[in-house]
Amino acid sequence: MVSTAETKRERRPHRKSRTGCHPCKQRKIKCDESRPDCLNCKRREIECHWPANNLKRNAEGKSRSVSASAQGKRIAYLEGTINMQSTRHQDPPSLLTYADMALLHHYFLIPDKLPGDKELLETSFNNPHLLHLILGFSALHWARQEPHRKLDLVEQADKHHVIGMRGATQLLSSTEKEIGESMELVYNSAVLIGLYNLALGPQPGEYMGFSDHDGRASFLVFIRGVRIIRENKEEATRSPPPTPADTRELAGNTLDLDIRNPDCFVYTNSGYAAHLEHLRSLARAGLTDSLSSGSKDASVYLAAIAQLEPHFEEIYPRTNPFKLKPTDGHNRLAFGWLYRVSDGFMNRLQEKAPLALAIFACFAVVLKRLETAWFVEGWPEHIIAGIWKFSRPELRDLIRWPMQELGMD
C-alpha cells in the first residue's frame, strides 16, 4: 500500500496562489490577481473580492502581480477582439457571456420561432445588434416559462433590447447610402422590435391600435414604420407601371370600392357575416359617428371591413360556419390587416370613433383565432377591454358579438 507521504511526493507540482481573490481560493484554482476583477471571476460572471491582508502582500510581490495583471488584460483584450468582429453597428461593444449563450440555446427550443428564423439567425451572426434583439426576445419567452426567474430574465431581455435598438438606430441613419442590404436589416430589426413589445405582454393604456394618450399607440407606430420601410425597399426594385388591364384588376383592392352594391360581397349564414353586414349598414348610414364626413368615412370603414372579412373566412369554414377551423400557431396573417388597412381608418381609430372601435373589436377576434403564438397571449382580451372603456354606453352593443366570441360577455 502506498503511504500518505509517498502520495504527497507524487502529487503533480503546481504554483500556489497566496494572494488571489476569495472565489479563486475557495475553488483552489490559480488566480491571475488582476484588479479589480480577476479573469476567472470575469469568465464566471461572479463578484471578485479580495482578502484585506492582501494589500501588504501585494507590496512585497508587486512585480509578479503587475505581470499577472498585464497578462490577464492581454487575454481579455484578445477575447474581446475575437468577439467583436463585425460590430460596426454596435456602440459601446458588448461581449456575449455564458448567460447569453444560454439565451441563444433557449431560442432554439422555442416552438413559435420568428418568421424566417433560419435566415434571420444567419444574418444576425454578421450583425450583432440583430443577435441582441433575438436574445432579448428569447429572454422574455424564458421568463414566461419560469416565473421564479422572471425578474432576472426580464432584466437580461431589456439589456439586449437596448443594445439592439442602439444598433438599429445607427443602421437606420445609413440606409440612404446603403439601400440594398441595409433596408433588409432595418426591416428585420423593426420586426424584432415590434414582436419584443408584444412579448412584453399587454401594457396599461396601450391597445395595439390606439392608446389612452393623444399620440399613436407604440405598436401601431412600429407596424406602420415597417410598412414604410418595406415600401421604400420595394421602390428600389419597382417593376414597370401596370398596364390598364392590370390597373383595373388592382382597383378592387383599393379604397375605391363600389360601396353601394352589396352583391360584391359574399356572405354566409354565420355570426360573423351578420355582424359585419350590420357594421356595413351603419357605415353607409353614418349614424354612429358624430364626426362622420359622409361618403368619405363610409369608404374608409367599408374598405377596412372588406380587408378584414377574408380572415374570418379563414377561421370559419363555409361547410360548417359554426365549427372553428384548426389554425397554425405560426400563422402571421392576423397582423397583415394592421399592415394594410388605410391611414384614414387608423386616424379614425386614434380618435376613438365608435365605428372604428367596433371594427377593431372584430380584429381582436381574428387575432385570438388566427394568431396563437405565445407573444400574443392576453392581447385580444386587453384590446376589447380598452374598446369597452372608450365606447359610449349606448353604443356598446356594437362590440357584443366580439366579446361573446372571446368569452368575455
Protein backbone atom coordinates (compact mmCIF):
# COMPACT_ATOMS: atom_id res chain seq x y z
CA MET A 1 0.00 0.00 0.00
CA VAL A 2 1.29 3.45 -0.89
CA SER A 3 1.79 5.59 2.18
CA THR A 4 0.33 9.06 2.58
CA ALA A 5 3.83 10.55 2.43
CA GLU A 6 4.53 8.85 -0.92
CA THR A 7 1.19 10.08 -2.29
CA LYS A 8 2.10 13.62 -1.40
CA ARG A 9 5.52 13.28 -3.02
CA GLU A 10 3.94 12.00 -6.26
CA ARG A 11 1.48 14.91 -6.48
CA ARG A 12 1.98 16.98 -9.62
CA PRO A 13 3.82 20.22 -8.86
CA HIS A 14 1.80 23.43 -9.29
CA ARG A 15 2.06 27.08 -8.43
CA LYS A 16 0.02 28.10 -5.43
CA SER A 17 -1.86 31.39 -5.23
CA ARG A 18 -1.38 33.02 -1.83
CA THR A 19 -2.58 36.46 -2.83
CA GLY A 20 -5.53 35.52 -5.04
CA CYS A 21 -9.14 36.58 -4.62
CA HIS A 22 -11.58 34.77 -2.33
CA PRO A 23 -13.53 32.94 -5.12
CA CYS A 24 -10.31 31.51 -6.61
CA LYS A 25 -9.07 30.44 -3.17
CA GLN A 26 -12.37 28.69 -2.46
CA ARG A 27 -12.22 26.86 -5.79
CA LYS A 28 -8.48 26.16 -5.27
CA ILE A 29 -7.52 27.45 -8.69
CA LYS A 30 -4.79 29.77 -9.89
CA CYS A 31 -5.78 33.45 -9.76
CA ASP A 32 -4.13 35.90 -12.17
CA GLU A 33 -4.64 38.58 -9.44
CA SER A 34 -5.69 41.28 -11.90
CA ARG A 35 -7.66 44.08 -10.23
CA PRO A 36 -10.45 44.92 -9.66
CA ASP A 37 -11.76 41.64 -11.16
CA CYS A 38 -9.58 38.67 -11.99
CA LEU A 39 -10.03 36.83 -15.29
CA ASN A 40 -11.60 33.74 -13.66
CA CYS A 41 -14.31 35.83 -11.99
CA LYS A 42 -14.98 37.73 -15.22
CA ARG A 43 -15.49 34.46 -17.07
CA ARG A 44 -17.84 33.07 -14.41
CA GLU A 45 -19.65 36.43 -14.04
CA ILE A 46 -19.30 36.48 -10.27
CA GLU A 47 -18.22 39.16 -7.82
CA CYS A 48 -14.45 39.27 -7.32
CA HIS A 49 -13.40 40.29 -3.79
CA TRP A 50 -10.04 40.21 -2.04
CA PRO A 51 -8.71 39.47 1.47
CA ALA A 52 -7.84 42.59 3.47
CA ASN A 53 -4.30 41.36 4.24
CA ASN A 54 -3.51 41.13 0.54
CA LEU A 55 -2.56 44.81 0.50
CA LYS A 56 0.68 44.16 2.38
CA ARG A 57 1.49 41.05 0.38
CA ASN A 58 0.87 42.90 -2.86
CA ALA A 59 3.51 45.45 -1.91
CA GLU A 60 6.04 42.64 -1.40
CA GLY A 61 5.26 40.90 -4.69
CA LYS A 62 4.46 43.95 -6.75
CA SER A 63 6.39 42.96 -9.86
CA ARG A 64 4.81 39.48 -10.03
CA SER A 65 1.30 40.91 -9.51
CA VAL A 66 1.75 43.55 -12.18
CA SER A 67 2.95 40.90 -14.61
CA ALA A 68 -0.06 38.66 -13.92
CA SER A 69 -2.41 41.63 -14.20
CA ALA A 70 -0.93 42.62 -17.54
CA GLN A 71 -1.26 39.05 -18.77
CA GLY A 72 -4.92 38.97 -17.74
CA LYS A 73 -5.58 42.21 -19.57
CA ARG A 74 -3.92 40.88 -22.71
CA ILE A 75 -6.06 37.73 -22.60
CA ALA A 76 -9.22 39.80 -22.07
CA TYR A 77 -8.23 42.04 -24.98
CA LEU A 78 -7.74 39.05 -27.29
CA GLU A 79 -11.10 37.62 -26.29
CA GLY A 80 -12.70 40.98 -26.93
CA THR A 81 -11.08 41.21 -30.34
CA ILE A 82 -12.43 37.80 -31.34
CA ASN A 83 -15.93 38.51 -30.08
CA MET A 84 -16.10 41.99 -31.53
CA GLN A 85 -15.55 41.10 -35.19
CA SER A 86 -18.19 42.68 -37.42
CA THR A 87 -19.54 45.00 -34.70
CA ARG A 88 -19.70 48.14 -36.81
CA HIS A 89 -23.37 48.68 -35.84
CA GLN A 90 -22.88 48.47 -32.08
CA ASP A 91 -21.57 51.07 -29.66
CA PRO A 92 -20.43 50.55 -26.98
CA PRO A 93 -19.18 46.98 -27.71
CA SER A 94 -20.68 44.11 -25.78
CA LEU A 95 -19.24 40.63 -25.20
CA LEU A 96 -21.52 37.60 -25.23
CA THR A 97 -21.43 35.86 -21.86
CA TYR A 98 -22.34 32.36 -20.72
CA ALA A 99 -25.77 33.74 -19.81
CA ASP A 100 -26.16 34.99 -23.38
CA MET A 101 -25.22 31.55 -24.73
CA ALA A 102 -27.95 30.07 -22.52
CA LEU A 103 -30.46 32.51 -24.05
CA LEU A 104 -29.39 31.52 -27.56
CA HIS A 105 -29.76 27.84 -26.66
CA HIS A 106 -33.23 28.54 -25.27
CA TYR A 107 -34.19 30.30 -28.50
CA PHE A 108 -33.53 27.08 -30.42
CA LEU A 109 -36.08 25.35 -28.14
CA ILE A 110 -38.89 27.89 -28.66
CA PRO A 111 -41.70 26.22 -30.67
CA ASP A 112 -43.04 29.52 -32.09
CA LYS A 113 -39.90 30.97 -33.56
CA LEU A 114 -39.68 34.18 -35.52
CA PRO A 115 -40.66 34.40 -39.20
CA GLY A 116 -37.74 33.39 -41.46
CA ASP A 117 -35.91 32.02 -38.42
CA LYS A 118 -33.02 30.31 -40.22
CA GLU A 119 -32.12 33.25 -42.46
CA LEU A 120 -32.58 35.66 -39.56
CA LEU A 121 -30.06 33.80 -37.40
CA GLU A 122 -27.53 33.61 -40.21
CA THR A 123 -27.82 37.36 -40.74
CA SER A 124 -27.51 38.06 -37.02
CA PHE A 125 -24.08 36.43 -36.79
CA ASN A 126 -22.72 39.17 -39.05
CA ASN A 127 -24.87 41.90 -37.47
CA PRO A 128 -24.59 41.69 -33.67
CA HIS A 129 -27.40 44.15 -32.96
CA LEU A 130 -29.81 41.70 -34.62
CA LEU A 131 -28.50 38.88 -32.43
CA HIS A 132 -29.09 41.00 -29.32
CA LEU A 133 -32.71 41.60 -30.40
CA ILE A 134 -33.16 37.83 -30.78
CA LEU A 135 -31.64 37.20 -27.33
CA GLY A 136 -34.00 39.77 -25.80
CA PHE A 137 -36.97 38.02 -27.40
CA SER A 138 -35.70 34.65 -26.11
CA ALA A 139 -35.29 36.01 -22.57
CA LEU A 140 -38.94 37.14 -22.47
CA HIS A 141 -40.12 33.69 -23.57
CA TRP A 142 -37.97 32.06 -20.89
CA ALA A 143 -39.38 34.44 -18.30
CA ARG A 144 -42.89 33.22 -19.10
CA GLN A 145 -41.83 29.61 -18.69
CA GLU A 146 -40.03 30.18 -15.37
CA PRO A 147 -41.86 32.87 -13.37
CA HIS A 148 -39.48 32.45 -10.41
CA ARG A 149 -36.68 33.80 -12.64
CA LYS A 150 -38.80 36.49 -14.27
CA LEU A 151 -37.06 39.49 -12.68
CA ASP A 152 -33.60 38.38 -13.77
CA LEU A 153 -34.66 37.29 -17.26
CA VAL A 154 -36.62 40.47 -17.96
CA GLU A 155 -33.56 42.45 -16.89
CA GLN A 156 -31.46 40.46 -19.37
CA ALA A 157 -34.10 40.99 -22.05
CA ASP A 158 -34.06 44.74 -21.50
CA LYS A 159 -30.26 44.85 -21.68
CA HIS A 160 -30.16 43.06 -25.02
CA HIS A 161 -33.08 45.05 -26.39
CA VAL A 162 -31.37 48.37 -25.59
CA ILE A 163 -28.17 47.24 -27.35
CA GLY A 164 -30.18 46.00 -30.33
CA MET A 165 -32.18 49.24 -30.52
CA ARG A 166 -28.97 51.27 -30.48
CA GLY A 167 -27.56 49.25 -33.36
CA ALA A 168 -30.80 49.51 -35.33
CA THR A 169 -30.84 53.29 -34.85
CA GLN A 170 -27.29 53.59 -36.16
CA LEU A 171 -28.18 51.35 -39.08
CA LEU A 172 -31.21 53.48 -39.93
CA SER A 173 -29.03 56.57 -40.30
CA SER A 174 -27.00 54.85 -43.02
CA THR A 175 -29.83 53.44 -45.13
CA GLU A 176 -29.77 56.30 -47.63
CA LYS A 177 -26.25 55.28 -48.69
CA GLU A 178 -26.75 51.52 -48.42
CA ILE A 179 -30.23 50.90 -49.79
CA GLY A 180 -29.76 47.23 -50.67
CA GLU A 181 -28.65 45.19 -47.66
CA SER A 182 -29.30 47.84 -45.03
CA MET A 183 -33.00 48.09 -45.86
CA GLU A 184 -33.43 44.36 -45.27
CA LEU A 185 -31.59 44.67 -41.95
CA VAL A 186 -33.73 47.64 -40.91
CA TYR A 187 -36.86 45.68 -41.80
CA ASN A 188 -35.77 42.63 -39.78
CA SER A 189 -34.80 44.88 -36.88
CA ALA A 190 -38.20 46.57 -36.94
CA VAL A 191 -40.00 43.21 -36.91
CA LEU A 192 -37.96 42.04 -33.91
CA ILE A 193 -38.54 45.30 -32.04
CA GLY A 194 -42.29 45.08 -32.64
CA LEU A 195 -42.53 41.44 -31.56
CA TYR A 196 -40.50 42.27 -28.46
CA ASN A 197 -43.10 44.88 -27.49
CA LEU A 198 -45.84 42.29 -27.96
CA ALA A 199 -43.88 39.73 -25.93
CA LEU A 200 -43.74 42.15 -23.00
CA GLY A 201 -47.47 41.48 -22.68
CA PRO A 202 -50.41 43.90 -22.58
CA GLN A 203 -49.33 47.29 -21.25
CA PRO A 204 -51.62 49.71 -19.39
CA GLY A 205 -53.09 52.30 -21.73
CA GLU A 206 -51.72 50.62 -24.90
CA TYR A 207 -54.23 48.70 -27.04
CA MET A 208 -52.14 47.92 -30.14
CA GLY A 209 -54.19 50.16 -32.46
CA PHE A 210 -54.92 53.06 -30.10
CA SER A 211 -53.94 54.27 -26.66
CA ASP A 212 -55.06 56.31 -23.67
CA HIS A 213 -52.92 59.26 -24.72
CA ASP A 214 -53.36 61.53 -27.74
CA GLY A 215 -50.46 60.09 -29.74
CA ARG A 216 -50.44 56.85 -31.69
CA ALA A 217 -50.07 53.52 -29.92
CA SER A 218 -46.45 52.36 -29.79
CA PHE A 219 -47.16 49.10 -31.63
CA LEU A 220 -49.05 50.95 -34.34
CA VAL A 221 -46.05 53.23 -34.85
CA PHE A 222 -43.96 50.08 -35.35
CA ILE A 223 -46.34 48.37 -37.79
CA ARG A 224 -46.72 51.48 -39.93
CA GLY A 225 -42.98 52.05 -39.81
CA VAL A 226 -42.42 48.52 -41.11
CA ARG A 227 -44.76 49.27 -44.00
CA ILE A 228 -42.84 52.43 -44.91
CA ILE A 229 -39.54 50.54 -44.76
CA ARG A 230 -40.92 47.74 -46.92
CA GLU A 231 -42.35 50.21 -49.44
CA ASN A 232 -39.01 52.02 -49.66
CA LYS A 233 -37.22 48.71 -50.17
CA GLU A 234 -39.65 47.64 -52.88
CA GLU A 235 -39.39 51.03 -54.56
CA ALA A 236 -35.70 50.37 -55.22
CA THR A 237 -36.68 47.32 -57.29
CA ARG A 238 -40.03 48.56 -58.54
CA SER A 239 -41.39 46.81 -61.64
CA PRO A 240 -42.71 48.78 -64.64
CA PRO A 241 -46.09 50.54 -64.18
CA PRO A 242 -49.08 48.19 -64.61
CA THR A 243 -50.98 48.12 -67.87
CA PRO A 244 -54.56 49.45 -67.96
CA ALA A 245 -55.84 45.88 -67.59
CA ASP A 246 -53.66 45.36 -64.51
CA THR A 247 -54.86 48.67 -63.10
CA ARG A 248 -58.48 47.56 -63.35
CA GLU A 249 -57.59 44.32 -61.58
CA LEU A 250 -55.86 46.15 -58.73
CA ALA A 251 -58.69 48.62 -58.29
CA GLY A 252 -60.72 46.09 -56.34
CA ASN A 253 -58.08 46.14 -53.57
CA THR A 254 -58.10 49.92 -53.10
CA LEU A 255 -60.46 52.21 -51.23
CA ASP A 256 -62.49 52.86 -54.43
CA LEU A 257 -64.96 50.07 -53.71
CA ASP A 258 -68.50 50.04 -55.04
CA ILE A 259 -69.92 50.52 -51.58
CA ARG A 260 -73.49 50.84 -52.86
CA ASN A 261 -73.54 47.31 -54.27
CA PRO A 262 -73.86 44.67 -51.51
CA ASP A 263 -73.70 41.90 -54.15
CA CYS A 264 -69.92 42.41 -54.45
CA PHE A 265 -69.54 40.74 -51.04
CA VAL A 266 -70.17 37.02 -50.46
CA TYR A 267 -71.98 36.24 -47.25
CA THR A 268 -72.52 33.04 -45.30
CA ASN A 269 -75.15 32.32 -42.73
CA SER A 270 -72.85 32.71 -39.72
CA GLY A 271 -72.45 35.10 -36.81
CA TYR A 272 -69.52 36.99 -38.22
CA ALA A 273 -71.24 37.64 -41.58
CA ALA A 274 -74.34 39.07 -39.93
CA HIS A 275 -72.26 41.24 -37.62
CA LEU A 276 -70.04 42.58 -40.42
CA GLU A 277 -73.11 43.33 -42.55
CA HIS A 278 -74.59 45.26 -39.63
CA LEU A 279 -71.39 47.33 -39.39
CA ARG A 280 -71.53 47.95 -43.15
CA SER A 281 -75.06 49.28 -42.92
CA LEU A 282 -74.02 51.62 -40.12
CA ALA A 283 -71.06 52.83 -42.17
CA ARG A 284 -73.34 53.64 -45.10
CA ALA A 285 -75.81 55.44 -42.86
CA GLY A 286 -73.08 57.32 -40.96
CA LEU A 287 -75.30 57.41 -37.88
CA THR A 288 -72.87 56.12 -35.27
CA ASP A 289 -70.18 58.77 -35.61
CA SER A 290 -70.69 62.39 -34.67
CA LEU A 291 -67.56 63.29 -36.68
CA SER A 292 -68.76 61.50 -39.81
CA SER A 293 -67.87 63.11 -43.12
CA GLY A 294 -70.38 61.10 -45.14
CA SER A 295 -69.26 59.04 -48.09
CA LYS A 296 -65.55 59.54 -47.40
CA ASP A 297 -65.80 57.88 -43.98
CA ALA A 298 -68.09 55.23 -45.44
CA SER A 299 -65.39 54.29 -47.97
CA VAL A 300 -62.75 54.08 -45.24
CA TYR A 301 -64.88 51.88 -42.97
CA LEU A 302 -66.18 49.63 -45.75
CA ALA A 303 -62.67 49.08 -47.07
CA ALA A 304 -61.44 48.13 -43.58
CA ILE A 305 -64.30 45.62 -43.20
CA ALA A 306 -63.67 44.18 -46.67
CA GLN A 307 -59.99 43.70 -45.84
CA LEU A 308 -60.86 42.02 -42.53
CA GLU A 309 -63.56 39.64 -43.80
CA PRO A 310 -61.20 37.14 -45.54
CA HIS A 311 -59.59 36.49 -42.17
CA PHE A 312 -62.96 35.36 -40.80
CA GLU A 313 -63.39 33.08 -43.81
CA GLU A 314 -60.06 31.54 -42.81
CA ILE A 315 -61.40 30.88 -39.29
CA TYR A 316 -64.96 29.69 -40.07
CA PRO A 317 -65.24 27.12 -42.90
CA ARG A 318 -68.22 27.63 -45.19
CA THR A 319 -69.34 23.98 -44.92
CA ASN A 320 -69.96 24.35 -41.20
CA PRO A 321 -69.85 28.03 -40.17
CA PHE A 322 -70.26 27.17 -36.50
CA LYS A 323 -67.16 24.97 -36.35
CA LEU A 324 -63.82 26.66 -35.85
CA LYS A 325 -61.17 25.79 -38.42
CA PRO A 326 -57.88 24.47 -36.98
CA THR A 327 -55.22 27.16 -37.15
CA ASP A 328 -51.46 27.08 -37.42
CA GLY A 329 -49.57 28.50 -34.44
CA HIS A 330 -47.04 30.03 -36.84
CA ASN A 331 -49.71 31.92 -38.80
CA ARG A 332 -48.90 35.62 -39.20
CA LEU A 333 -51.95 36.57 -41.29
CA ALA A 334 -53.69 38.46 -38.49
CA PHE A 335 -51.13 41.25 -38.42
CA GLY A 336 -51.47 41.66 -42.18
CA TRP A 337 -54.69 43.61 -41.67
CA LEU A 338 -52.98 46.18 -39.44
CA TYR A 339 -50.24 46.39 -42.06
CA ARG A 340 -52.60 47.03 -44.99
CA VAL A 341 -55.53 48.98 -43.56
CA SER A 342 -55.67 52.61 -44.67
CA ASP A 343 -54.21 55.56 -42.78
CA GLY A 344 -57.69 57.09 -42.89
CA PHE A 345 -59.09 54.23 -40.81
CA MET A 346 -56.17 54.30 -38.38
CA ASN A 347 -56.69 58.04 -37.90
CA ARG A 348 -60.35 57.41 -37.05
CA LEU A 349 -59.24 54.70 -34.63
CA GLN A 350 -56.83 57.11 -32.94
CA GLU A 351 -59.77 59.50 -32.50
CA LYS A 352 -61.69 56.56 -30.96
CA ALA A 353 -64.59 56.94 -33.39
CA PRO A 354 -67.30 54.44 -32.36
CA LEU A 355 -67.49 52.56 -35.66
CA ALA A 356 -63.70 52.36 -35.92
CA LEU A 357 -63.59 50.86 -32.42
CA ALA A 358 -66.33 48.36 -33.36
CA ILE A 359 -64.37 47.21 -36.43
CA PHE A 360 -61.19 46.97 -34.38
CA ALA A 361 -63.05 44.72 -31.91
CA CYS A 362 -63.58 42.31 -34.82
CA PHE A 363 -59.82 42.37 -35.41
CA ALA A 364 -59.37 41.21 -31.79
CA VAL A 365 -61.40 38.09 -32.67
CA VAL A 366 -59.18 37.44 -35.71
CA LEU A 367 -56.08 37.92 -33.57
CA LYS A 368 -57.37 35.45 -30.99
CA ARG A 369 -58.35 32.76 -33.50
CA LEU A 370 -55.60 33.01 -36.12
CA GLU A 371 -52.53 34.06 -34.16
CA THR A 372 -51.89 31.56 -31.36
CA ALA A 373 -48.22 32.37 -30.75
CA TRP A 374 -47.17 32.88 -27.12
CA PHE A 375 -46.35 36.57 -27.54
CA VAL A 376 -49.99 37.38 -28.45
CA GLU A 377 -51.42 35.87 -25.24
CA GLY A 378 -53.66 38.32 -23.39
CA TRP A 379 -53.67 40.97 -26.13
CA PRO A 380 -57.12 40.24 -27.70
CA GLU A 381 -58.87 40.49 -24.32
CA HIS A 382 -56.84 43.60 -23.47
CA ILE A 383 -57.91 45.24 -26.75
CA ILE A 384 -61.59 44.53 -26.06
CA ALA A 385 -61.25 45.97 -22.54
CA GLY A 386 -59.81 49.18 -24.00
CA ILE A 387 -62.58 49.42 -26.60
CA TRP A 388 -65.23 48.93 -23.91
CA LYS A 389 -63.59 51.67 -21.86
CA PHE A 390 -63.83 54.23 -24.67
CA SER A 391 -67.23 53.18 -26.07
CA ARG A 392 -70.26 55.22 -25.13
CA PRO A 393 -72.76 53.11 -23.15
CA GLU A 394 -75.47 53.40 -25.81
CA LEU A 395 -73.07 52.06 -28.47
CA ARG A 396 -71.56 49.14 -26.57
CA ASP A 397 -73.91 46.71 -28.27
CA LEU A 398 -71.66 47.09 -31.32
CA ILE A 399 -68.98 45.03 -29.58
CA ARG A 400 -71.26 42.40 -28.01
CA TRP A 401 -70.59 39.80 -30.69
CA PRO A 402 -66.75 40.09 -30.48
CA MET A 403 -66.99 39.87 -26.70
CA GLN A 404 -69.08 36.70 -26.96
CA GLU A 405 -66.53 35.18 -29.35
CA LEU A 406 -63.78 35.83 -26.79
CA GLY A 407 -65.90 34.56 -23.89
CA MET A 408 -65.99 37.98 -22.23
CA ASP A 409 -69.74 38.64 -22.28
